[in-house]
Amino acid sequence: MTEVKVKKGEPIEKALRKLKKKLDKEGVLKELRNRRYYEKPSEAKRRSRKRSAR
């Protein structure tokens, strides 16, 4: 579970920016997008091979 400490009087927008940055660094959003649709195992292997070839 990702947490962001908010100081007293800190604007909500700043706290949201911190949260988004933290989620991006942890790769949570990327993982969520990848899991949105089912990917066949053969497609996953093909994608990983293509990534490792770079």
PDB file of N, CA and C in Angstrom:
ATOM      1  N   MET A   1       0.841  -1.168   0.000  1.00  0.00           N
ATOM      2  CA  MET A   1       0.000   0.000   0.000  1.00  0.00           C
ATOM      3  C   MET A   1       0.890   1.236   0.000  1.00  0.00           C
ATOM      4  N   THR A   2       0.607   2.136  -0.896  1.00  0.00           N
ATOM      5  CA  THR A   2       1.400   3.347  -1.031  1.00  0.00           C
ATOM      6  C   THR A   2       0.814   4.449  -0.155  1.00  0.00           C
ATOM      7  N   GLU A   3       1.678   5.105   0.579  1.00  0.00           N
ATOM      8  CA  GLU A   3       1.251   6.187   1.456  1.00  0.00           C
ATOM      9  C   GLU A   3       2.010   7.455   1.135  1.00  0.00           C
ATOM     10  N   VAL A   4       1.341   8.573   1.321  1.00  0.00           N
ATOM     11  CA  VAL A   4       1.963   9.876   1.167  1.00  0.00           C
ATOM     12  C   VAL A   4       1.643  10.683   2.411  1.00  0.00           C
ATOM     13  N   LYS A   5       2.666  11.151   3.063  1.00  0.00           N
ATOM     14  CA  LYS A   5       2.479  11.969   4.259  1.00  0.00           C
ATOM     15  C   LYS A   5       2.166  13.399   3.826  1.00  0.00           C
ATOM     16  N   VAL A   6       1.088  13.953   4.355  1.00  0.00           N
ATOM     17  CA  VAL A   6       0.673  15.313   4.030  1.00  0.00           C
ATOM     18  C   VAL A   6       0.875  16.180   5.262  1.00  0.00           C
ATOM     19  N   LYS A   7       1.587  17.276   5.058  1.00  0.00           N
ATOM     20  CA  LYS A   7       1.829  18.198   6.161  1.00  0.00           C
ATOM     21  C   LYS A   7       0.596  19.063   6.386  1.00  0.00           C
ATOM     22  N   LYS A   8       0.495  19.581   7.575  1.00  0.00           N
ATOM     23  CA  LYS A   8      -0.650  20.432   7.920  1.00  0.00           C
ATOM     24  C   LYS A   8      -0.624  21.697   7.059  1.00  0.00           C
ATOM     25  N   GLY A   9      -1.749  21.981   6.412  1.00  0.00           N
ATOM     26  CA  GLY A   9      -1.846  23.165   5.575  1.00  0.00           C
ATOM     27  C   GLY A   9      -1.340  22.967   4.152  1.00  0.00           C
ATOM     28  N   GLU A  10      -0.895  21.756   3.814  1.00  0.00           N
ATOM     29  CA  GLU A  10      -0.384  21.494   2.467  1.00  0.00           C
ATOM     30  C   GLU A  10      -1.566  21.332   1.498  1.00  0.00           C
ATOM     31  N   PRO A  11      -1.486  21.955   0.341  1.00  0.00           N
ATOM     32  CA  PRO A  11      -2.595  21.855  -0.615  1.00  0.00           C
ATOM     33  C   PRO A  11      -2.784  20.420  -1.124  1.00  0.00           C
ATOM     34  N   ILE A  12      -4.021  20.084  -1.428  1.00  0.00           N
ATOM     35  CA  ILE A  12      -4.356  18.745  -1.922  1.00  0.00           C
ATOM     36  C   ILE A  12      -3.655  18.465  -3.249  1.00  0.00           C
ATOM     37  N   GLU A  13      -3.548  19.484  -4.104  1.00  0.00           N
ATOM     38  CA  GLU A  13      -2.918  19.299  -5.410  1.00  0.00           C
ATOM     39  C   GLU A  13      -1.468  18.840  -5.264  1.00  0.00           C
ATOM     40  N   LYS A  14      -0.781  19.395  -4.292  1.00  0.00           N
ATOM     41  CA  LYS A  14       0.619  19.027  -4.067  1.00  0.00           C
ATOM     42  C   LYS A  14       0.715  17.579  -3.567  1.00  0.00           C
ATOM     43  N   ALA A  15      -0.206  17.197  -2.704  1.00  0.00           N
ATOM     44  CA  ALA A  15      -0.225  15.828  -2.192  1.00  0.00           C
ATOM     45  C   ALA A  15      -0.529  14.839  -3.318  1.00  0.00           C
ATOM     46  N   LEU A  16      -1.457  15.203  -4.211  1.00  0.00           N
ATOM     47  CA  LEU A  16      -1.778  14.332  -5.352  1.00  0.00           C
ATOM     48  C   LEU A  16      -0.581  14.185  -6.281  1.00  0.00           C
ATOM     49  N   ARG A  17       0.148  15.275  -6.501  1.00  0.00           N
ATOM     50  CA  ARG A  17       1.348  15.218  -7.334  1.00  0.00           C
ATOM     51  C   ARG A  17       2.374  14.266  -6.731  1.00  0.00           C
ATOM     52  N   LYS A  18       2.551  14.340  -5.396  1.00  0.00           N
ATOM     53  CA  LYS A  18       3.474  13.439  -4.700  1.00  0.00           C
ATOM     54  C   LYS A  18       3.043  11.991  -4.873  1.00  0.00           C
ATOM     55  N   LEU A  19       1.736  11.739  -4.742  1.00  0.00           N
ATOM     56  CA  LEU A  19       1.210  10.385  -4.876  1.00  0.00           C
ATOM     57  C   LEU A  19       1.437   9.846  -6.280  1.00  0.00           C
ATOM     58  N   LYS A  20       1.133  10.650  -7.290  1.00  0.00           N
ATOM     59  CA  LYS A  20       1.317  10.212  -8.672  1.00  0.00           C
ATOM     60  C   LYS A  20       2.783   9.907  -8.957  1.00  0.00           C
ATOM     61  N   LYS A  21       3.682  10.746  -8.448  1.00  0.00           N
ATOM     62  CA  LYS A  21       5.109  10.545  -8.670  1.00  0.00           C
ATOM     63  C   LYS A  21       5.570   9.240  -8.009  1.00  0.00           C
ATOM     64  N   LYS A  22       5.070   8.992  -6.805  1.00  0.00           N
ATOM     65  CA  LYS A  22       5.438   7.785  -6.072  1.00  0.00           C
ATOM     66  C   LYS A  22       4.916   6.532  -6.781  1.00  0.00           C
ATOM     67  N   LEU A  23       3.659   6.579  -7.254  1.00  0.00           N
ATOM     68  CA  LEU A  23       3.078   5.447  -7.980  1.00  0.00           C
ATOM     69  C   LEU A  23       3.826   5.184  -9.269  1.00  0.00           C
ATOM     70  N   ASP A  24       4.235   6.236  -9.949  1.00  0.00           N
ATOM     71  CA  ASP A  24       4.985   6.089 -11.189  1.00  0.00           C
ATOM     72  C   ASP A  24       6.349   5.459 -10.922  1.00  0.00           C
ATOM     73  N   LYS A  25       6.992   5.876  -9.857  1.00  0.00           N
ATOM     74  CA  LYS A  25       8.308   5.337  -9.511  1.00  0.00           C
ATOM     75  C   LYS A  25       8.219   3.845  -9.168  1.00  0.00           C
ATOM     76  N   GLU A  26       7.134   3.445  -8.499  1.00  0.00           N
ATOM     77  CA  GLU A  26       6.953   2.047  -8.113  1.00  0.00           C
ATOM     78  C   GLU A  26       6.445   1.187  -9.270  1.00  0.00           C
ATOM     79  N   GLY A  27       5.955   1.823 -10.333  1.00  0.00           N
ATOM     80  CA  GLY A  27       5.474   1.077 -11.485  1.00  0.00           C
ATOM     81  C   GLY A  27       4.063   0.542 -11.335  1.00  0.00           C
ATOM     82  N   VAL A  28       3.303   1.084 -10.408  1.00  0.00           N
ATOM     83  CA  VAL A  28       1.953   0.604 -10.140  1.00  0.00           C
ATOM     84  C   VAL A  28       1.031   0.878 -11.326  1.00  0.00           C
ATOM     85  N   LEU A  29       1.105   2.095 -11.862  1.00  0.00           N
ATOM     86  CA  LEU A  29       0.213   2.455 -12.968  1.00  0.00           C
ATOM     87  C   LEU A  29       0.531   1.639 -14.219  1.00  0.00           C
ATOM     88  N   LYS A  30       1.805   1.407 -14.458  1.00  0.00           N
ATOM     89  CA  LYS A  30       2.211   0.608 -15.624  1.00  0.00           C
ATOM     90  C   LYS A  30       1.677  -0.815 -15.498  1.00  0.00           C
ATOM     91  N   GLU A  31       1.788  -1.378 -14.313  1.00  0.00           N
ATOM     92  CA  GLU A  31       1.283  -2.722 -14.046  1.00  0.00           C
ATOM     93  C   GLU A  31      -0.231  -2.776 -14.223  1.00  0.00           C
ATOM     94  N   LEU A  32      -0.911  -1.751 -13.762  1.00  0.00           N
ATOM     95  CA  LEU A  32      -2.367  -1.691 -13.893  1.00  0.00           C
ATOM     96  C   LEU A  32      -2.781  -1.656 -15.358  1.00  0.00           C
ATOM     97  N   ARG A  33      -2.091  -0.866 -16.155  1.00  0.00           N
ATOM     98  CA  ARG A  33      -2.411  -0.796 -17.585  1.00  0.00           C
ATOM     99  C   ARG A  33      -2.152  -2.129 -18.268  1.00  0.00           C
ATOM    100  N   ASN A  34      -1.083  -2.811 -17.879  1.00  0.00           N
ATOM    101  CA  ASN A  34      -0.770  -4.112 -18.474  1.00  0.00           C
ATOM    102  C   ASN A  34      -1.815  -5.160 -18.120  1.00  0.00           C
ATOM    103  N   ARG A  35      -2.390  -5.068 -16.959  1.00  0.00           N
ATOM    104  CA  ARG A  35      -3.372  -6.069 -16.510  1.00  0.00           C
ATOM    105  C   ARG A  35      -4.804  -5.736 -16.924  1.00  0.00           C
ATOM    106  N   ARG A  36      -4.989  -4.639 -17.609  1.00  0.00           N
ATOM    107  CA  ARG A  36      -6.336  -4.229 -17.996  1.00  0.00           C
ATOM    108  C   ARG A  36      -6.990  -5.278 -18.898  1.00  0.00           C
ATOM    109  N   TYR A  37      -6.202  -5.879 -19.792  1.00  0.00           N
ATOM    110  CA  TYR A  37      -6.707  -6.906 -20.698  1.00  0.00           C
ATOM    111  C   TYR A  37      -5.862  -8.149 -20.528  1.00  0.00           C
ATOM    112  N   TYR A  38      -6.465  -9.304 -20.790  1.00  0.00           N
ATOM    113  CA  TYR A  38      -5.736 -10.561 -20.685  1.00  0.00           C
ATOM    114  C   TYR A  38      -4.728 -10.661 -21.820  1.00  0.00           C
ATOM    115  N   GLU A  39      -3.545 -11.091 -21.485  1.00  0.00           N
ATOM    116  CA  GLU A  39      -2.490 -11.280 -22.477  1.00  0.00           C
ATOM    117  C   GLU A  39      -2.108 -12.751 -22.490  1.00  0.00           C
ATOM    118  N   LYS A  40      -2.166 -13.348 -23.664  1.00  0.00           N
ATOM    119  CA  LYS A  40      -1.819 -14.757 -23.774  1.00  0.00           C
ATOM    120  C   LYS A  40      -0.350 -14.938 -23.414  1.00  0.00           C
ATOM    121  N   PRO A  41       0.008 -16.098 -22.844  1.00  0.00           N
ATOM    122  CA  PRO A  41       1.403 -16.340 -22.470  1.00  0.00           C
ATOM    123  C   PRO A  41       2.372 -16.194 -23.647  1.00  0.00           C
ATOM    124  N   SER A  42       1.943 -16.628 -24.835  1.00  0.00           N
ATOM    125  CA  SER A  42       2.830 -16.505 -26.000  1.00  0.00           C
ATOM    126  C   SER A  42       3.086 -15.035 -26.340  1.00  0.00           C
ATOM    127  N   GLU A  43       2.076 -14.191 -26.176  1.00  0.00           N
ATOM    128  CA  GLU A  43       2.255 -12.761 -26.428  1.00  0.00           C
ATOM    129  C   GLU A  43       3.179 -12.139 -25.383  1.00  0.00           C
ATOM    130  N   ALA A  44       3.053 -12.588 -24.164  1.00  0.00           N
ATOM    131  CA  ALA A  44       3.918 -12.063 -23.096  1.00  0.00           C
ATOM    132  C   ALA A  44       5.374 -12.434 -23.363  1.00  0.00           C
ATOM    133  N   LYS A  45       5.616 -13.667 -23.792  1.00  0.00           N
ATOM    134  CA  LYS A  45       6.985 -14.092 -24.118  1.00  0.00           C
ATOM    135  C   LYS A  45       7.547 -13.273 -25.270  1.00  0.00           C
ATOM    136  N   ARG A  46       6.719 -13.079 -26.296  1.00  0.00           N
ATOM    137  CA  ARG A  46       7.155 -12.311 -27.468  1.00  0.00           C
ATOM    138  C   ARG A  46       7.516 -10.889 -27.059  1.00  0.00           C
ATOM    139  N   ARG A  47       6.695 -10.294 -26.201  1.00  0.00           N
ATOM    140  CA  ARG A  47       6.952  -8.922 -25.758  1.00  0.00           C
ATOM    141  C   ARG A  47       8.232  -8.847 -24.928  1.00  0.00           C
ATOM    142  N   SER A  48       8.434  -9.841 -24.049  1.00  0.00           N
ATOM    143  CA  SER A  48       9.637  -9.813 -23.210  1.00  0.00           C
ATOM    144  C   SER A  48      10.900 -10.045 -24.043  1.00  0.00           C
ATOM    145  N   ARG A  49      10.811 -10.927 -25.058  1.00  0.00           N
ATOM    146  CA  ARG A  49      11.970 -11.152 -25.945  1.00  0.00           C
ATOM    147  C   ARG A  49      12.302  -9.880 -26.711  1.00  0.00           C
ATOM    148  N   LYS A  50      11.268  -9.205 -27.184  1.00  0.00           N
ATOM    149  CA  LYS A  50      11.474  -7.977 -27.934  1.00  0.00           C
ATOM    150  C   LYS A  50      12.128  -6.919 -27.049  1.00  0.00           C
ATOM    151  N   ARG A  51      11.697  -6.829 -25.792  1.00  0.00           N
ATOM    152  CA  ARG A  51      12.263  -5.863 -24.853  1.00  0.00           C
ATOM    153  C   ARG A  51      13.704  -6.186 -24.534  1.00  0.00           C
ATOM    154  N   SER A  52      14.028  -7.474 -24.378  1.00  0.00           N
ATOM    155  CA  SER A  52      15.404  -7.858 -24.023  1.00  0.00           C
ATOM    156  C   SER A  52      16.348  -7.706 -25.207  1.00  0.00           C
ATOM    157  N   ALA A  53      15.816  -7.758 -26.431  1.00  0.00           N
ATOM    158  CA  ALA A  53      16.656  -7.603 -27.617  1.00  0.00           C
ATOM    159  C   ALA A  53      17.169  -6.174 -27.764  1.00  0.00           C
ATOM    160  N   ARG A  54      16.469  -5.227 -27.190  1.00  0.00           N
ATOM    161  CA  ARG A  54      16.883  -3.825 -27.276  1.00  0.00           C
ATOM    162  C   ARG A  54      18.119  -3.663 -26.496  1.00  0.00           C
TER     163      ARG A  54
END
